[in-house]
Amino acid sequence: MSKFDEVVAKAAEQLKKVGVTADEALLRAVAKSQGPSIYLKDASLVSCGDNAELKRVEDNFIVKKLGVTNADEIKKAIGNNCSKFKDIRQKMRVAFYYVLVKDLKKESVFK
């Protein structure tokens, strides 16, 4: 199994823990969009307790990648995600972003 496949499998496991059944093709596309950062310990994780980190998620992924600019919609999506992942200490960026894509109905960005 390649490192990429390992990351995707771990993200799918984490998604199951929060009650989400992943579409593997979409999960792989979201993972691929993150580039080599998915292999770096710090860069591969999201911290809901770090406002600067959440701002980066908003600016670099939600606005730039997904094209969502409605501030209320963005805050709601991030808040829902942080609630969904609250029991997971190390939130994988791939899994976190996958749920954002689904919540914001932006799957078409990855097709």
PDB file of N, CA and C in Angstrom:
ATOM      1  N   MET A   1       0.854  -1.183   0.000  1.00  0.00           N
ATOM      2  CA  MET A   1       0.000   0.000   0.000  1.00  0.00           C
ATOM      3  C   MET A   1       0.893   1.237   0.000  1.00  0.00           C
ATOM      4  N   SER A   2       0.588   2.176  -0.876  1.00  0.00           N
ATOM      5  CA  SER A   2       1.384   3.403  -0.955  1.00  0.00           C
ATOM      6  C   SER A   2       1.065   4.313   0.232  1.00  0.00           C
ATOM      7  N   LYS A   3       1.939   5.297   0.450  1.00  0.00           N
ATOM      8  CA  LYS A   3       1.701   6.263   1.533  1.00  0.00           C
ATOM      9  C   LYS A   3       0.385   6.999   1.308  1.00  0.00           C
ATOM     10  N   PHE A   4       0.123   7.342   0.051  1.00  0.00           N
ATOM     11  CA  PHE A   4      -1.118   8.041  -0.290  1.00  0.00           C
ATOM     12  C   PHE A   4      -2.324   7.184   0.102  1.00  0.00           C
ATOM     13  N   ASP A   5      -2.293   5.896  -0.269  1.00  0.00           N
ATOM     14  CA  ASP A   5      -3.391   4.991   0.073  1.00  0.00           C
ATOM     15  C   ASP A   5      -3.561   4.862   1.585  1.00  0.00           C
ATOM     16  N   GLU A   6      -2.451   4.888   2.316  1.00  0.00           N
ATOM     17  CA  GLU A   6      -2.511   4.814   3.774  1.00  0.00           C
ATOM     18  C   GLU A   6      -3.216   6.038   4.352  1.00  0.00           C
ATOM     19  N   VAL A   7      -2.883   7.220   3.830  1.00  0.00           N
ATOM     20  CA  VAL A   7      -3.524   8.456   4.297  1.00  0.00           C
ATOM     21  C   VAL A   7      -5.022   8.418   4.002  1.00  0.00           C
ATOM     22  N   VAL A   8      -5.385   7.991   2.803  1.00  0.00           N
ATOM     23  CA  VAL A   8      -6.803   7.915   2.424  1.00  0.00           C
ATOM     24  C   VAL A   8      -7.536   6.920   3.323  1.00  0.00           C
ATOM     25  N   ALA A   9      -6.923   5.780   3.604  1.00  0.00           N
ATOM     26  CA  ALA A   9      -7.548   4.772   4.472  1.00  0.00           C
ATOM     27  C   ALA A   9      -7.738   5.311   5.893  1.00  0.00           C
ATOM     28  N   LYS A  10      -6.730   6.011   6.416  1.00  0.00           N
ATOM     29  CA  LYS A  10      -6.840   6.594   7.761  1.00  0.00           C
ATOM     30  C   LYS A  10      -7.936   7.660   7.804  1.00  0.00           C
ATOM     31  N   ALA A  11      -8.013   8.458   6.743  1.00  0.00           N
ATOM     32  CA  ALA A  11      -9.053   9.492   6.680  1.00  0.00           C
ATOM     33  C   ALA A  11     -10.439   8.844   6.632  1.00  0.00           C
ATOM     34  N   ALA A  12     -10.589   7.769   5.876  1.00  0.00           N
ATOM     35  CA  ALA A  12     -11.873   7.061   5.791  1.00  0.00           C
ATOM     36  C   ALA A  12     -12.257   6.502   7.162  1.00  0.00           C
ATOM     37  N   GLU A  13     -11.266   5.975   7.901  1.00  0.00           N
ATOM     38  CA  GLU A  13     -11.524   5.473   9.258  1.00  0.00           C
ATOM     39  C   GLU A  13     -11.997   6.602  10.170  1.00  0.00           C
ATOM     40  N   GLN A  14     -11.334   7.755  10.069  1.00  0.00           N
ATOM     41  CA  GLN A  14     -11.699   8.888  10.915  1.00  0.00           C
ATOM     42  C   GLN A  14     -13.109   9.374  10.561  1.00  0.00           C
ATOM     43  N   LEU A  15     -13.433   9.366   9.293  1.00  0.00           N
ATOM     44  CA  LEU A  15     -14.772   9.771   8.872  1.00  0.00           C
ATOM     45  C   LEU A  15     -15.827   8.821   9.445  1.00  0.00           C
ATOM     46  N   LYS A  16     -15.538   7.531   9.455  1.00  0.00           N
ATOM     47  CA  LYS A  16     -16.474   6.562  10.035  1.00  0.00           C
ATOM     48  C   LYS A  16     -16.732   6.873  11.503  1.00  0.00           C
ATOM     49  N   LYS A  17     -15.684   7.305  12.216  1.00  0.00           N
ATOM     50  CA  LYS A  17     -15.815   7.616  13.642  1.00  0.00           C
ATOM     51  C   LYS A  17     -16.769   8.778  13.884  1.00  0.00           C
ATOM     52  N   VAL A  18     -16.904   9.673  12.890  1.00  0.00           N
ATOM     53  CA  VAL A  18     -17.819  10.812  13.045  1.00  0.00           C
ATOM     54  C   VAL A  18     -19.131  10.578  12.293  1.00  0.00           C
ATOM     55  N   GLY A  19     -19.342   9.331  11.859  1.00  0.00           N
ATOM     56  CA  GLY A  19     -20.611   8.964  11.239  1.00  0.00           C
ATOM     57  C   GLY A  19     -20.747   9.315   9.773  1.00  0.00           C
ATOM     58  N   VAL A  20     -19.630   9.452   9.074  1.00  0.00           N
ATOM     59  CA  VAL A  20     -19.668   9.804   7.648  1.00  0.00           C
ATOM     60  C   VAL A  20     -19.125   8.629   6.837  1.00  0.00           C
ATOM     61  N   THR A  21     -19.904   8.186   5.867  1.00  0.00           N
ATOM     62  CA  THR A  21     -19.439   7.159   4.943  1.00  0.00           C
ATOM     63  C   THR A  21     -18.866   7.886   3.737  1.00  0.00           C
ATOM     64  N   ALA A  22     -17.582   7.662   3.487  1.00  0.00           N
ATOM     65  CA  ALA A  22     -16.887   8.417   2.441  1.00  0.00           C
ATOM     66  C   ALA A  22     -17.097   7.823   1.053  1.00  0.00           C
ATOM     67  N   ASP A  23     -17.242   8.703   0.088  1.00  0.00           N
ATOM     68  CA  ASP A  23     -17.168   8.351  -1.325  1.00  0.00           C
ATOM     69  C   ASP A  23     -15.669   8.310  -1.618  1.00  0.00           C
ATOM     70  N   GLU A  24     -15.139   7.116  -1.881  1.00  0.00           N
ATOM     71  CA  GLU A  24     -13.694   6.968  -1.993  1.00  0.00           C
ATOM     72  C   GLU A  24     -13.098   7.838  -3.095  1.00  0.00           C
ATOM     73  N   ALA A  25     -13.774   7.951  -4.222  1.00  0.00           N
ATOM     74  CA  ALA A  25     -13.236   8.770  -5.325  1.00  0.00           C
ATOM     75  C   ALA A  25     -13.121  10.230  -4.901  1.00  0.00           C
ATOM     76  N   LEU A  26     -14.137  10.738  -4.216  1.00  0.00           N
ATOM     77  CA  LEU A  26     -14.103  12.127  -3.753  1.00  0.00           C
ATOM     78  C   LEU A  26     -13.045  12.293  -2.665  1.00  0.00           C
ATOM     79  N   LEU A  27     -12.959  11.342  -1.750  1.00  0.00           N
ATOM     80  CA  LEU A  27     -11.959  11.412  -0.681  1.00  0.00           C
ATOM     81  C   LEU A  27     -10.545  11.432  -1.271  1.00  0.00           C
ATOM     82  N   ARG A  28     -10.297  10.606  -2.268  1.00  0.00           N
ATOM     83  CA  ARG A  28      -8.984  10.568  -2.924  1.00  0.00           C
ATOM     84  C   ARG A  28      -8.702  11.904  -3.631  1.00  0.00           C
ATOM     85  N   ALA A  29      -9.721  12.482  -4.254  1.00  0.00           N
ATOM     86  CA  ALA A  29      -9.545  13.767  -4.945  1.00  0.00           C
ATOM     87  C   ALA A  29      -9.235  14.882  -3.955  1.00  0.00           C
ATOM     88  N   VAL A  30      -9.928  14.889  -2.822  1.00  0.00           N
ATOM     89  CA  VAL A  30      -9.664  15.899  -1.783  1.00  0.00           C
ATOM     90  C   VAL A  30      -8.247  15.721  -1.251  1.00  0.00           C
ATOM     91  N   ALA A  31      -7.840  14.484  -1.008  1.00  0.00           N
ATOM     92  CA  ALA A  31      -6.483  14.211  -0.513  1.00  0.00           C
ATOM     93  C   ALA A  31      -5.447  14.667  -1.529  1.00  0.00           C
ATOM     94  N   LYS A  32      -5.671  14.355  -2.786  1.00  0.00           N
ATOM     95  CA  LYS A  32      -4.717  14.730  -3.841  1.00  0.00           C
ATOM     96  C   LYS A  32      -4.589  16.249  -3.938  1.00  0.00           C
ATOM     97  N   SER A  33      -5.683  16.961  -3.720  1.00  0.00           N
ATOM     98  CA  SER A  33      -5.660  18.425  -3.825  1.00  0.00           C
ATOM     99  C   SER A  33      -4.790  19.066  -2.742  1.00  0.00           C
ATOM    100  N   GLN A  34      -4.499  18.321  -1.691  1.00  0.00           N
ATOM    101  CA  GLN A  34      -3.697  18.860  -0.589  1.00  0.00           C
ATOM    102  C   GLN A  34      -2.199  18.740  -0.843  1.00  0.00           C
ATOM    103  N   GLY A  35      -1.838  18.010  -1.863  1.00  0.00           N
ATOM    104  CA  GLY A  35      -0.424  17.890  -2.217  1.00  0.00           C
ATOM    105  C   GLY A  35       0.366  17.166  -1.139  1.00  0.00           C
ATOM    106  N   PRO A  36       1.673  17.418  -1.103  1.00  0.00           N
ATOM    107  CA  PRO A  36       2.537  16.701  -0.169  1.00  0.00           C
ATOM    108  C   PRO A  36       2.305  17.041   1.303  1.00  0.00           C
ATOM    109  N   SER A  37       1.515  18.059   1.594  1.00  0.00           N
ATOM    110  CA  SER A  37       1.284  18.435   2.998  1.00  0.00           C
ATOM    111  C   SER A  37       0.577  17.322   3.773  1.00  0.00           C
ATOM    112  N   ILE A  38      -0.096  16.405   3.085  1.00  0.00           N
ATOM    113  CA  ILE A  38      -0.800  15.327   3.790  1.00  0.00           C
ATOM    114  C   ILE A  38       0.163  14.359   4.469  1.00  0.00           C
ATOM    115  N   TYR A  39       1.439  14.426   4.116  1.00  0.00           N
ATOM    116  CA  TYR A  39       2.434  13.534   4.709  1.00  0.00           C
ATOM    117  C   TYR A  39       3.194  14.187   5.861  1.00  0.00           C
ATOM    118  N   LEU A  40       2.987  15.478   6.075  1.00  0.00           N
ATOM    119  CA  LEU A  40       3.691  16.204   7.128  1.00  0.00           C
ATOM    120  C   LEU A  40       2.840  16.224   8.397  1.00  0.00           C
ATOM    121  N   LYS A  41       3.432  15.846   9.507  1.00  0.00           N
ATOM    122  CA  LYS A  41       2.701  15.692  10.764  1.00  0.00           C
ATOM    123  C   LYS A  41       1.835  16.913  11.096  1.00  0.00           C
ATOM    124  N   ASP A  42       2.428  18.085  11.175  1.00  0.00           N
ATOM    125  CA  ASP A  42       1.684  19.276  11.577  1.00  0.00           C
ATOM    126  C   ASP A  42       0.718  19.746  10.489  1.00  0.00           C
ATOM    127  N   ALA A  43       1.166  19.769   9.256  1.00  0.00           N
ATOM    128  CA  ALA A  43       0.345  20.279   8.160  1.00  0.00           C
ATOM    129  C   ALA A  43      -0.837  19.366   7.839  1.00  0.00           C
ATOM    130  N   SER A  44      -0.751  18.107   8.228  1.00  0.00           N
ATOM    131  CA  SER A  44      -1.814  17.159   7.897  1.00  0.00           C
ATOM    132  C   SER A  44      -2.971  17.196   8.893  1.00  0.00           C
ATOM    133  N   LEU A  45      -2.848  18.032   9.928  1.00  0.00           N
ATOM    134  CA  LEU A  45      -3.868  18.104  10.973  1.00  0.00           C
ATOM    135  C   LEU A  45      -4.510  19.481  11.038  1.00  0.00           C
ATOM    136  N   VAL A  46      -5.739  19.518  11.519  1.00  0.00           N
ATOM    137  CA  VAL A  46      -6.472  20.769  11.712  1.00  0.00           C
ATOM    138  C   VAL A  46      -6.763  20.923  13.202  1.00  0.00           C
ATOM    139  N   SER A  47      -6.538  22.120  13.733  1.00  0.00           N
ATOM    140  CA  SER A  47      -6.830  22.399  15.138  1.00  0.00           C
ATOM    141  C   SER A  47      -8.003  23.375  15.222  1.00  0.00           C
ATOM    142  N   CYS A  48      -9.108  22.898  15.762  1.00  0.00           N
ATOM    143  CA  CYS A  48     -10.278  23.767  15.914  1.00  0.00           C
ATOM    144  C   CYS A  48     -10.080  24.796  17.026  1.00  0.00           C
ATOM    145  N   GLY A  49      -9.094  24.584  17.880  1.00  0.00           N
ATOM    146  CA  GLY A  49      -8.828  25.521  18.961  1.00  0.00           C
ATOM    147  C   GLY A  49      -7.908  26.661  18.554  1.00  0.00           C
ATOM    148  N   ASP A  50      -7.419  26.640  17.339  1.00  0.00           N
ATOM    149  CA  ASP A  50      -6.476  27.646  16.847  1.00  0.00           C
ATOM    150  C   ASP A  50      -7.180  28.526  15.806  1.00  0.00           C
ATOM    151  N   ASN A  51      -7.530  29.738  16.215  1.00  0.00           N
ATOM    152  CA  ASN A  51      -8.258  30.634  15.304  1.00  0.00           C
ATOM    153  C   ASN A  51      -7.477  30.956  14.046  1.00  0.00           C
ATOM    154  N   ALA A  52      -6.152  31.058  14.156  1.00  0.00           N
ATOM    155  CA  ALA A  52      -5.334  31.330  12.970  1.00  0.00           C
ATOM    156  C   ALA A  52      -5.421  30.161  11.995  1.00  0.00           C
ATOM    157  N   GLU A  53      -5.446  28.953  12.519  1.00  0.00           N
ATOM    158  CA  GLU A  53      -5.579  27.761  11.677  1.00  0.00           C
ATOM    159  C   GLU A  53      -6.928  27.742  10.976  1.00  0.00           C
ATOM    160  N   LEU A  54      -7.983  28.052  11.703  1.00  0.00           N
ATOM    161  CA  LEU A  54      -9.319  28.070  11.099  1.00  0.00           C
ATOM    162  C   LEU A  54      -9.431  29.157  10.038  1.00  0.00           C
ATOM    163  N   LYS A  55      -8.740  30.265  10.242  1.00  0.00           N
ATOM    164  CA  LYS A  55      -8.728  31.333   9.238  1.00  0.00           C
ATOM    165  C   LYS A  55      -8.017  30.840   7.965  1.00  0.00           C
ATOM    166  N   ARG A  56      -6.944  30.059   8.137  1.00  0.00           N
ATOM    167  CA  ARG A  56      -6.242  29.478   6.979  1.00  0.00           C
ATOM    168  C   ARG A  56      -7.152  28.504   6.234  1.00  0.00           C
ATOM    169  N   VAL A  57      -7.903  27.692   6.977  1.00  0.00           N
ATOM    170  CA  VAL A  57      -8.852  26.762   6.357  1.00  0.00           C
ATOM    171  C   VAL A  57      -9.859  27.565   5.530  1.00  0.00           C
ATOM    172  N   GLU A  58     -10.354  28.637   6.129  1.00  0.00           N
ATOM    173  CA  GLU A  58     -11.326  29.485   5.436  1.00  0.00           C
ATOM    174  C   GLU A  58     -10.730  30.106   4.181  1.00  0.00           C
ATOM    175  N   ASP A  59      -9.593  30.777   4.336  1.00  0.00           N
ATOM    176  CA  ASP A  59      -9.000  31.516   3.211  1.00  0.00           C
ATOM    177  C   ASP A  59      -8.467  30.600   2.116  1.00  0.00           C
ATOM    178  N   ASN A  60      -7.679  29.606   2.508  1.00  0.00           N
ATOM    179  CA  ASN A  60      -6.966  28.802   1.521  1.00  0.00           C
ATOM    180  C   ASN A  60      -7.772  27.655   0.940  1.00  0.00           C
ATOM    181  N   PHE A  61      -8.732  27.152   1.677  1.00  0.00           N
ATOM    182  CA  PHE A  61      -9.508  26.033   1.143  1.00  0.00           C
ATOM    183  C   PHE A  61     -10.927  26.452   0.757  1.00  0.00           C
ATOM    184  N   ILE A  62     -11.660  26.998   1.706  1.00  0.00           N
ATOM    185  CA  ILE A  62     -13.067  27.289   1.441  1.00  0.00           C
ATOM    186  C   ILE A  62     -13.222  28.395   0.396  1.00  0.00           C
ATOM    187  N   VAL A  63     -12.478  29.488   0.551  1.00  0.00           N
ATOM    188  CA  VAL A  63     -12.622  30.609  -0.385  1.00  0.00           C
ATOM    189  C   VAL A  63     -11.869  30.341  -1.694  1.00  0.00           C
ATOM    190  N   LYS A  64     -10.571  30.056  -1.588  1.00  0.00           N
ATOM    191  CA  LYS A  64      -9.760  29.900  -2.805  1.00  0.00           C
ATOM    192  C   LYS A  64     -10.074  28.632  -3.579  1.00  0.00           C
ATOM    193  N   LYS A  65     -10.182  27.504  -2.908  1.00  0.00           N
ATOM    194  CA  LYS A  65     -10.369  26.228  -3.605  1.00  0.00           C
ATOM    195  C   LYS A  65     -11.830  25.964  -3.938  1.00  0.00           C
ATOM    196  N   LEU A  66     -12.720  26.171  -2.950  1.00  0.00           N
ATOM    197  CA  LEU A  66     -14.125  25.852  -3.164  1.00  0.00           C
ATOM    198  C   LEU A  66     -14.926  27.012  -3.739  1.00  0.00           C
ATOM    199  N   GLY A  67     -14.409  28.227  -3.603  1.00  0.00           N
ATOM    200  CA  GLY A  67     -15.098  29.383  -4.169  1.00  0.00           C
ATOM    201  C   GLY A  67     -16.279  29.881  -3.358  1.00  0.00           C
ATOM    202  N   VAL A  68     -16.358  29.521  -2.094  1.00  0.00           N
ATOM    203  CA  VAL A  68     -17.449  29.975  -1.223  1.00  0.00           C
ATOM    204  C   VAL A  68     -17.010  31.272  -0.557  1.00  0.00           C
ATOM    205  N   THR A  69     -17.841  32.308  -0.657  1.00  0.00           N
ATOM    206  CA  THR A  69     -17.470  33.605  -0.100  1.00  0.00           C
ATOM    207  C   THR A  69     -18.461  34.120   0.950  1.00  0.00           C
ATOM    208  N   ASN A  70     -19.586  33.455   1.120  1.00  0.00           N
ATOM    209  CA  ASN A  70     -20.589  33.876   2.091  1.00  0.00           C
ATOM    210  C   ASN A  70     -20.072  33.607   3.504  1.00  0.00           C
ATOM    211  N   ALA A  71     -19.793  34.682   4.245  1.00  0.00           N
ATOM    212  CA  ALA A  71     -19.178  34.567   5.575  1.00  0.00           C
ATOM    213  C   ALA A  71     -20.023  33.734   6.538  1.00  0.00           C
ATOM    214  N   ASP A  72     -21.334  33.905   6.506  1.00  0.00           N
ATOM    215  CA  ASP A  72     -22.199  33.146   7.411  1.00  0.00           C
ATOM    216  C   ASP A  72     -22.152  31.656   7.082  1.00  0.00           C
ATOM    217  N   GLU A  73     -22.173  31.338   5.812  1.00  0.00           N
ATOM    218  CA  GLU A  73     -22.115  29.942   5.368  1.00  0.00           C
ATOM    219  C   GLU A  73     -20.777  29.304   5.774  1.00  0.00           C
ATOM    220  N   ILE A  74     -19.701  30.065   5.645  1.00  0.00           N
ATOM    221  CA  ILE A  74     -18.365  29.575   6.005  1.00  0.00           C
ATOM    222  C   ILE A  74     -18.279  29.316   7.502  1.00  0.00           C
ATOM    223  N   LYS A  75     -18.713  30.275   8.309  1.00  0.00           N
ATOM    224  CA  LYS A  75     -18.661  30.113   9.775  1.00  0.00           C
ATOM    225  C   LYS A  75     -19.500  28.919  10.223  1.00  0.00           C
ATOM    226  N   LYS A  76     -20.672  28.769   9.630  1.00  0.00           N
ATOM    227  CA  LYS A  76     -21.549  27.657   9.982  1.00  0.00           C
ATOM    228  C   LYS A  76     -20.885  26.324   9.629  1.00  0.00           C
ATOM    229  N   ALA A  77     -20.297  26.231   8.438  1.00  0.00           N
ATOM    230  CA  ALA A  77     -19.659  24.983   8.001  1.00  0.00           C
ATOM    231  C   ALA A  77     -18.476  24.625   8.903  1.00  0.00           C
ATOM    232  N   ILE A  78     -17.641  25.605   9.221  1.00  0.00           N
ATOM    233  CA  ILE A  78     -16.485  25.343  10.085  1.00  0.00           C
ATOM    234  C   ILE A  78     -16.957  24.956  11.488  1.00  0.00           C
ATOM    235  N   GLY A  79     -17.940  25.667  12.009  1.00  0.00           N
ATOM    236  CA  GLY A  79     -18.479  25.346  13.334  1.00  0.00           C
ATOM    237  C   GLY A  79     -19.078  23.947  13.392  1.00  0.00           C
ATOM    238  N   ASN A  80     -19.837  23.582  12.361  1.00  0.00           N
ATOM    239  CA  ASN A  80     -20.422  22.245  12.302  1.00  0.00           C
ATOM    240  C   ASN A  80     -19.333  21.177  12.261  1.00  0.00           C
ATOM    241  N   ASN A  81     -18.294  21.441  11.481  1.00  0.00           N
ATOM    242  CA  ASN A  81     -17.191  20.480  11.371  1.00  0.00           C
ATOM    243  C   ASN A  81     -16.474  20.315  12.704  1.00  0.00           C
ATOM    244  N   CYS A  82     -16.176  21.421  13.362  1.00  0.00           N
ATOM    245  CA  CYS A  82     -15.481  21.334  14.649  1.00  0.00           C
ATOM    246  C   CYS A  82     -16.334  20.566  15.656  1.00  0.00           C
ATOM    247  N   SER A  83     -17.646  20.758  15.624  1.00  0.00           N
ATOM    248  CA  SER A  83     -18.540  20.005  16.508  1.00  0.00           C
ATOM    249  C   SER A  83     -18.525  18.520  16.163  1.00  0.00           C
ATOM    250  N   LYS A  84     -18.583  18.222  14.883  1.00  0.00           N
ATOM    251  CA  LYS A  84     -18.603  16.836  14.428  1.00  0.00           C
ATOM    252  C   LYS A  84     -17.323  16.095  14.830  1.00  0.00           C
ATOM    253  N   PHE A  85     -16.189  16.786  14.762  1.00  0.00           N
ATOM    254  CA  PHE A  85     -14.893  16.180  15.047  1.00  0.00           C
ATOM    255  C   PHE A  85     -14.426  16.410  16.499  1.00  0.00           C
ATOM    256  N   LYS A  86     -15.305  16.913  17.370  1.00  0.00           N
ATOM    257  CA  LYS A  86     -14.885  17.325  18.713  1.00  0.00           C
ATOM    258  C   LYS A  86     -14.253  16.211  19.534  1.00  0.00           C
ATOM    259  N   ASP A  87     -14.655  14.977  19.320  1.00  0.00           N
ATOM    260  CA  ASP A  87     -14.112  13.872  20.102  1.00  0.00           C
ATOM    261  C   ASP A  87     -12.822  13.298  19.517  1.00  0.00           C
ATOM    262  N   ILE A  88     -12.381  13.842  18.397  1.00  0.00           N
ATOM    263  CA  ILE A  88     -11.148  13.366  17.765  1.00  0.00           C
ATOM    264  C   ILE A  88     -10.054  14.386  18.032  1.00  0.00           C
ATOM    265  N   ARG A  89      -9.042  13.940  18.726  1.00  0.00           N
ATOM    266  CA  ARG A  89      -7.954  14.848  19.129  1.00  0.00           C
ATOM    267  C   ARG A  89      -7.149  15.327  17.927  1.00  0.00           C
ATOM    268  N   GLN A  90      -6.750  14.401  17.053  1.00  0.00           N
ATOM    269  CA  GLN A  90      -5.957  14.776  15.886  1.00  0.00           C
ATOM    270  C   GLN A  90      -6.825  14.670  14.642  1.00  0.00           C
ATOM    271  N   LYS A  91      -7.393  15.801  14.271  1.00  0.00           N
ATOM    272  CA  LYS A  91      -8.305  15.856  13.132  1.00  0.00           C
ATOM    273  C   LYS A  91      -7.495  15.880  11.832  1.00  0.00           C
ATOM    274  N   MET A  92      -7.656  14.856  11.031  1.00  0.00           N
ATOM    275  CA  MET A  92      -6.935  14.804   9.758  1.00  0.00           C
ATOM    276  C   MET A  92      -7.502  15.852   8.808  1.00  0.00           C
ATOM    277  N   ARG A  93      -6.626  16.625   8.211  1.00  0.00           N
ATOM    278  CA  ARG A  93      -7.044  17.666   7.284  1.00  0.00           C
ATOM    279  C   ARG A  93      -7.864  17.079   6.133  1.00  0.00           C
ATOM    280  N   VAL A  94      -7.451  15.931   5.629  1.00  0.00           N
ATOM    281  CA  VAL A  94      -8.167  15.307   4.510  1.00  0.00           C
ATOM    282  C   VAL A  94      -9.609  15.002   4.908  1.00  0.00           C
ATOM    283  N   ALA A  95      -9.815  14.421   6.079  1.00  0.00           N
ATOM    284  CA  ALA A  95     -11.164  14.093   6.540  1.00  0.00           C
ATOM    285  C   ALA A  95     -11.967  15.367   6.818  1.00  0.00           C
ATOM    286  N   PHE A  96     -11.336  16.320   7.470  1.00  0.00           N
ATOM    287  CA  PHE A  96     -11.988  17.594   7.800  1.00  0.00           C
ATOM    288  C   PHE A  96     -12.446  18.308   6.526  1.00  0.00           C
ATOM    289  N   TYR A  97     -11.546  18.372   5.539  1.00  0.00           N
ATOM    290  CA  TYR A  97     -11.875  19.030   4.276  1.00  0.00           C
ATOM    291  C   TYR A  97     -12.948  18.261   3.505  1.00  0.00           C
ATOM    292  N   TYR A  98     -12.920  16.944   3.581  1.00  0.00           N
ATOM    293  CA  TYR A  98     -13.938  16.134   2.897  1.00  0.00           C
ATOM    294  C   TYR A  98     -15.329  16.524   3.398  1.00  0.00           C
ATOM    295  N   VAL A  99     -15.478  16.628   4.722  1.00  0.00           N
ATOM    296  CA  VAL A  99     -16.786  16.980   5.281  1.00  0.00           C
ATOM    297  C   VAL A  99     -17.169  18.410   4.885  1.00  0.00           C
ATOM    298  N   LEU A 100     -16.196  19.319   4.828  1.00  0.00           N
ATOM    299  CA  LEU A 100     -16.496  20.679   4.363  1.00  0.00           C
ATOM    300  C   LEU A 100     -17.028  20.654   2.932  1.00  0.00           C
ATOM    301  N   VAL A 101     -16.392  19.879   2.080  1.00  0.00           N
ATOM    302  CA  VAL A 101     -16.820  19.766   0.679  1.00  0.00           C
ATOM    303  C   VAL A 101     -18.258  19.271   0.612  1.00  0.00           C
ATOM    304  N   LYS A 102     -18.567  18.233   1.380  1.00  0.00           N
ATOM    305  CA  LYS A 102     -19.925  17.687   1.387  1.00  0.00           C
ATOM    306  C   LYS A 102     -20.925  18.701   1.960  1.00  0.00           C
ATOM    307  N   ASP A 103     -20.584  19.318   3.083  1.00  0.00           N
ATOM    308  CA  ASP A 103     -21.495  20.269   3.725  1.00  0.00           C
ATOM    309  C   ASP A 103     -21.790  21.467   2.833  1.00  0.00           C
ATOM    310  N   LEU A 104     -20.770  21.926   2.130  1.00  0.00           N
ATOM    311  CA  LEU A 104     -20.926  23.106   1.268  1.00  0.00           C
ATOM    312  C   LEU A 104     -21.396  22.736  -0.140  1.00  0.00           C
ATOM    313  N   LYS A 105     -21.610  21.434  -0.368  1.00  0.00           N
ATOM    314  CA  LYS A 105     -22.101  20.920  -1.650  1.00  0.00           C
ATOM    315  C   LYS A 105     -21.199  21.358  -2.822  1.00  0.00           C
ATOM    316  N   LYS A 106     -19.907  21.182  -2.627  1.00  0.00           N
ATOM    317  CA  LYS A 106     -18.925  21.590  -3.629  1.00  0.00           C
ATOM    318  C   LYS A 106     -18.193  20.384  -4.237  1.00  0.00           C
ATOM    319  N   GLU A 107     -18.851  19.235  -4.283  1.00  0.00           N
ATOM    320  CA  GLU A 107     -18.239  18.038  -4.857  1.00  0.00           C
ATOM    321  C   GLU A 107     -17.798  18.262  -6.304  1.00  0.00           C
ATOM    322  N   SER A 108     -18.531  19.110  -7.010  1.00  0.00           N
ATOM    323  CA  SER A 108     -18.218  19.355  -8.431  1.00  0.00           C
ATOM    324  C   SER A 108     -16.816  19.925  -8.639  1.00  0.00           C
ATOM    325  N   VAL A 109     -16.250  20.561  -7.629  1.00  0.00           N
ATOM    326  CA  VAL A 109     -14.899  21.111  -7.733  1.00  0.00           C
ATOM    327  C   VAL A 109     -13.889  19.980  -7.964  1.00  0.00           C
ATOM    328  N   PHE A 110     -14.198  18.781  -7.487  1.00  0.00           N
ATOM    329  CA  PHE A 110     -13.262  17.666  -7.536  1.00  0.00           C
ATOM    330  C   PHE A 110     -13.603  16.617  -8.584  1.00  0.00           C
ATOM    331  N   LYS A 111     -14.538  16.893  -9.458  1.00  0.00           N
ATOM    332  CA  LYS A 111     -14.940  15.922 -10.493  1.00  0.00           C
ATOM    333  C   LYS A 111     -14.199  16.167 -11.781  1.00  0.00           C
TER     334      LYS A 111
END
